[in-house]
Amino acid sequence: MMQLEKIADFRSPGEFQRFTDFLDGGVKSGLLEEIPPDPNYHAGEIYGGRWFRRKDDGSVWRLIPPDPPFTGLFEMVRKMTPVK
């Protein structure tokens, strides 16, 4: 299982790069799948970014890079409920 939590802002370019490397490692190891962004999703009027689906629970997350003065964001887009 890969633990993911919301990040409301990145404190430095290095922190953002380390987190991006972490996500890329999750994709490489098969724990995450990078998927196309939903063009209709624009919470907070923020579009695009990189989107990821966790393979163990199907939840979908998005990574929005910093663009000063915006400090970036990583958040859950969709939580999947396991079928019983």
N, C-alpha and C. Protein backbone atom coordinates (compact mmCIF):
# COMPACT_ATOMS: atom_id res chain seq x y z
N MET A 1 0.85 -1.18 0.00
CA MET A 1 0.00 0.00 0.00
C MET A 1 0.89 1.24 0.00
N MET A 2 0.46 2.26 -0.69
CA MET A 2 1.19 3.53 -0.77
C MET A 2 0.36 4.59 -0.04
N GLN A 3 0.93 5.16 1.00
CA GLN A 3 0.24 6.17 1.80
C GLN A 3 0.27 7.52 1.08
N LEU A 4 -0.89 8.10 0.83
CA LEU A 4 -0.99 9.42 0.21
C LEU A 4 -1.81 10.32 1.11
N GLU A 5 -1.38 11.56 1.22
CA GLU A 5 -2.08 12.56 2.02
C GLU A 5 -2.11 13.88 1.26
N LYS A 6 -3.11 14.68 1.54
CA LYS A 6 -3.22 16.00 0.91
C LYS A 6 -2.03 16.86 1.30
N ILE A 7 -1.52 17.60 0.32
CA ILE A 7 -0.49 18.61 0.55
C ILE A 7 -1.07 19.92 0.04
N ALA A 8 -1.25 20.87 0.95
CA ALA A 8 -1.89 22.14 0.58
C ALA A 8 -0.91 23.11 -0.06
N ASP A 9 0.37 22.94 0.17
CA ASP A 9 1.38 23.77 -0.50
C ASP A 9 2.75 23.12 -0.33
N PHE A 10 3.60 23.34 -1.30
CA PHE A 10 4.98 22.86 -1.23
C PHE A 10 5.85 24.02 -0.76
N ARG A 11 6.75 23.72 0.15
CA ARG A 11 7.54 24.78 0.78
C ARG A 11 8.77 25.18 -0.01
N SER A 12 9.16 24.34 -0.99
CA SER A 12 10.34 24.67 -1.79
C SER A 12 10.30 23.87 -3.09
N PRO A 13 11.06 24.31 -4.09
CA PRO A 13 11.16 23.52 -5.32
C PRO A 13 11.72 22.12 -5.05
N GLY A 14 12.64 22.01 -4.10
CA GLY A 14 13.21 20.70 -3.76
C GLY A 14 12.17 19.76 -3.18
N GLU A 15 11.30 20.28 -2.31
CA GLU A 15 10.24 19.45 -1.74
C GLU A 15 9.30 18.95 -2.84
N PHE A 16 8.95 19.83 -3.77
CA PHE A 16 8.09 19.44 -4.87
C PHE A 16 8.76 18.36 -5.71
N GLN A 17 10.07 18.52 -6.00
CA GLN A 17 10.78 17.54 -6.81
C GLN A 17 10.87 16.19 -6.11
N ARG A 18 11.14 16.19 -4.81
CA ARG A 18 11.19 14.92 -4.04
C ARG A 18 9.84 14.22 -4.07
N PHE A 19 8.75 14.99 -3.94
CA PHE A 19 7.43 14.38 -3.96
C PHE A 19 7.10 13.85 -5.36
N THR A 20 7.48 14.58 -6.39
CA THR A 20 7.28 14.10 -7.76
C THR A 20 8.04 12.80 -7.98
N ASP A 21 9.28 12.73 -7.48
CA ASP A 21 10.07 11.50 -7.59
C ASP A 21 9.38 10.35 -6.85
N PHE A 22 8.79 10.63 -5.68
CA PHE A 22 8.06 9.64 -4.90
C PHE A 22 6.88 9.08 -5.72
N LEU A 23 6.12 9.97 -6.35
CA LEU A 23 4.98 9.53 -7.17
C LEU A 23 5.45 8.74 -8.38
N ASP A 24 6.51 9.20 -9.03
CA ASP A 24 7.05 8.47 -10.18
C ASP A 24 7.51 7.07 -9.76
N GLY A 25 8.08 6.96 -8.56
CA GLY A 25 8.46 5.64 -8.04
C GLY A 25 7.26 4.75 -7.82
N GLY A 26 6.14 5.34 -7.38
CA GLY A 26 4.91 4.58 -7.20
C GLY A 26 4.37 4.07 -8.52
N VAL A 27 4.50 4.87 -9.57
CA VAL A 27 4.07 4.44 -10.90
C VAL A 27 4.98 3.30 -11.38
N LYS A 28 6.28 3.49 -11.22
CA LYS A 28 7.24 2.49 -11.68
C LYS A 28 7.06 1.15 -10.97
N SER A 29 6.72 1.20 -9.68
CA SER A 29 6.55 -0.03 -8.91
C SER A 29 5.17 -0.66 -9.09
N GLY A 30 4.27 0.03 -9.79
CA GLY A 30 2.94 -0.52 -10.05
C GLY A 30 1.90 -0.22 -8.99
N LEU A 31 2.23 0.63 -8.00
CA LEU A 31 1.26 0.98 -6.96
C LEU A 31 0.32 2.10 -7.43
N LEU A 32 0.82 2.93 -8.34
CA LEU A 32 0.03 4.03 -8.90
C LEU A 32 -0.01 3.89 -10.41
N GLU A 33 -1.04 4.48 -10.99
CA GLU A 33 -1.16 4.55 -12.44
C GLU A 33 -1.39 6.02 -12.79
N GLU A 34 -0.58 6.58 -13.68
CA GLU A 34 -0.83 7.95 -14.11
C GLU A 34 -1.93 7.92 -15.17
N ILE A 35 -2.92 8.78 -15.00
CA ILE A 35 -4.07 8.82 -15.89
C ILE A 35 -4.25 10.23 -16.44
N PRO A 36 -4.97 10.38 -17.55
CA PRO A 36 -5.20 11.73 -18.09
C PRO A 36 -6.08 12.55 -17.14
N PRO A 37 -5.79 13.85 -17.02
CA PRO A 37 -6.64 14.71 -16.19
C PRO A 37 -8.05 14.81 -16.79
N ASP A 38 -9.04 14.95 -15.94
CA ASP A 38 -10.41 15.19 -16.38
C ASP A 38 -10.50 16.67 -16.77
N PRO A 39 -10.73 16.98 -18.04
CA PRO A 39 -10.76 18.38 -18.47
C PRO A 39 -11.91 19.18 -17.87
N ASN A 40 -12.90 18.51 -17.32
CA ASN A 40 -14.04 19.20 -16.72
C ASN A 40 -13.87 19.45 -15.22
N TYR A 41 -12.81 18.92 -14.63
CA TYR A 41 -12.59 19.10 -13.19
C TYR A 41 -11.73 20.34 -12.99
N HIS A 42 -12.24 21.27 -12.20
CA HIS A 42 -11.52 22.52 -12.00
C HIS A 42 -11.81 23.12 -10.62
N ALA A 43 -11.72 22.29 -9.60
CA ALA A 43 -11.96 22.79 -8.24
C ALA A 43 -11.02 23.96 -7.96
N GLY A 44 -11.56 25.01 -7.41
CA GLY A 44 -10.76 26.19 -7.11
C GLY A 44 -10.26 26.89 -8.36
N GLU A 45 -10.89 26.58 -9.49
CA GLU A 45 -10.50 27.14 -10.79
C GLU A 45 -9.05 26.78 -11.15
N ILE A 46 -8.61 25.64 -10.66
CA ILE A 46 -7.27 25.12 -10.99
C ILE A 46 -7.47 23.91 -11.89
N TYR A 47 -6.93 23.97 -13.08
CA TYR A 47 -7.12 22.92 -14.08
C TYR A 47 -5.86 22.08 -14.23
N GLY A 48 -6.03 20.88 -14.81
CA GLY A 48 -4.91 20.08 -15.27
C GLY A 48 -4.08 19.43 -14.19
N GLY A 49 -2.77 19.55 -14.36
CA GLY A 49 -1.83 18.88 -13.48
C GLY A 49 -1.62 17.43 -13.90
N ARG A 50 -0.99 16.67 -13.04
CA ARG A 50 -0.80 15.23 -13.26
C ARG A 50 -1.78 14.50 -12.36
N TRP A 51 -2.44 13.49 -12.90
CA TRP A 51 -3.42 12.72 -12.14
C TRP A 51 -2.93 11.29 -11.97
N PHE A 52 -3.25 10.73 -10.81
CA PHE A 52 -2.82 9.38 -10.46
C PHE A 52 -3.98 8.59 -9.87
N ARG A 53 -4.02 7.30 -10.17
CA ARG A 53 -5.00 6.40 -9.56
C ARG A 53 -4.23 5.38 -8.73
N ARG A 54 -4.63 5.25 -7.47
CA ARG A 54 -4.06 4.20 -6.63
C ARG A 54 -4.63 2.87 -7.08
N LYS A 55 -3.77 1.91 -7.29
CA LYS A 55 -4.25 0.61 -7.78
C LYS A 55 -4.92 -0.20 -6.68
N ASP A 56 -4.58 0.04 -5.41
CA ASP A 56 -5.18 -0.78 -4.35
C ASP A 56 -6.60 -0.36 -4.00
N ASP A 57 -6.93 0.91 -4.10
CA ASP A 57 -8.29 1.33 -3.73
C ASP A 57 -9.01 2.14 -4.81
N GLY A 58 -8.33 2.44 -5.92
CA GLY A 58 -8.97 3.15 -7.03
C GLY A 58 -9.13 4.64 -6.83
N SER A 59 -8.68 5.18 -5.69
CA SER A 59 -8.83 6.62 -5.48
C SER A 59 -7.98 7.38 -6.50
N VAL A 60 -8.44 8.58 -6.85
CA VAL A 60 -7.78 9.40 -7.85
C VAL A 60 -7.27 10.67 -7.18
N TRP A 61 -6.03 11.03 -7.48
CA TRP A 61 -5.35 12.19 -6.90
C TRP A 61 -4.80 13.06 -8.01
N ARG A 62 -4.63 14.35 -7.71
CA ARG A 62 -4.01 15.22 -8.71
C ARG A 62 -2.90 16.04 -8.07
N LEU A 63 -1.86 16.25 -8.86
CA LEU A 63 -0.70 17.04 -8.47
C LEU A 63 -0.65 18.28 -9.34
N ILE A 64 -0.73 19.44 -8.71
CA ILE A 64 -0.64 20.71 -9.42
C ILE A 64 0.69 21.36 -9.02
N PRO A 65 1.55 21.62 -10.00
CA PRO A 65 2.87 22.17 -9.66
C PRO A 65 2.78 23.62 -9.20
N PRO A 66 3.78 24.04 -8.43
CA PRO A 66 3.83 25.45 -8.02
C PRO A 66 3.96 26.37 -9.23
N ASP A 67 3.32 27.51 -9.14
CA ASP A 67 3.40 28.57 -10.15
C ASP A 67 3.25 29.87 -9.36
N PRO A 68 4.38 30.40 -8.85
CA PRO A 68 4.33 31.53 -7.91
C PRO A 68 3.38 32.63 -8.37
N PRO A 69 2.60 33.15 -7.42
CA PRO A 69 2.67 32.92 -5.98
C PRO A 69 1.97 31.65 -5.50
N PHE A 70 1.30 30.90 -6.38
CA PHE A 70 0.67 29.63 -6.00
C PHE A 70 1.76 28.62 -5.66
N THR A 71 1.60 27.93 -4.54
CA THR A 71 2.65 27.04 -4.04
C THR A 71 2.44 25.57 -4.36
N GLY A 72 1.48 25.25 -5.21
CA GLY A 72 1.25 23.87 -5.60
C GLY A 72 0.24 23.18 -4.71
N LEU A 73 -0.16 21.96 -5.12
CA LEU A 73 -1.22 21.24 -4.44
C LEU A 73 -1.18 19.77 -4.81
N PHE A 74 -1.46 18.91 -3.84
CA PHE A 74 -1.69 17.49 -4.10
C PHE A 74 -2.94 17.13 -3.32
N GLU A 75 -3.97 16.67 -4.02
CA GLU A 75 -5.23 16.40 -3.35
C GLU A 75 -5.97 15.23 -3.99
N MET A 76 -6.85 14.62 -3.20
CA MET A 76 -7.70 13.56 -3.70
C MET A 76 -8.82 14.20 -4.53
N VAL A 77 -9.04 13.63 -5.70
CA VAL A 77 -10.09 14.09 -6.59
C VAL A 77 -11.34 13.23 -6.42
N ARG A 78 -11.10 11.93 -6.27
CA ARG A 78 -12.22 10.99 -6.19
C ARG A 78 -11.83 9.85 -5.27
N LYS A 79 -12.69 9.61 -4.29
CA LYS A 79 -12.47 8.46 -3.40
C LYS A 79 -13.39 7.34 -3.85
N MET A 80 -12.82 6.20 -4.03
CA MET A 80 -13.59 5.05 -4.49
C MET A 80 -14.01 4.22 -3.28
N THR A 81 -15.24 3.77 -3.31
CA THR A 81 -15.75 2.90 -2.25
C THR A 81 -15.61 1.46 -2.70
N PRO A 82 -14.89 0.65 -1.94
CA PRO A 82 -14.75 -0.76 -2.34
C PRO A 82 -16.09 -1.46 -2.45
N VAL A 83 -16.23 -2.32 -3.43
CA VAL A 83 -17.45 -3.11 -3.62
C VAL A 83 -17.39 -4.26 -2.64
N LYS A 84 -18.49 -4.47 -1.91
CA LYS A 84 -18.52 -5.58 -0.93
C LYS A 84 -19.16 -6.80 -1.51
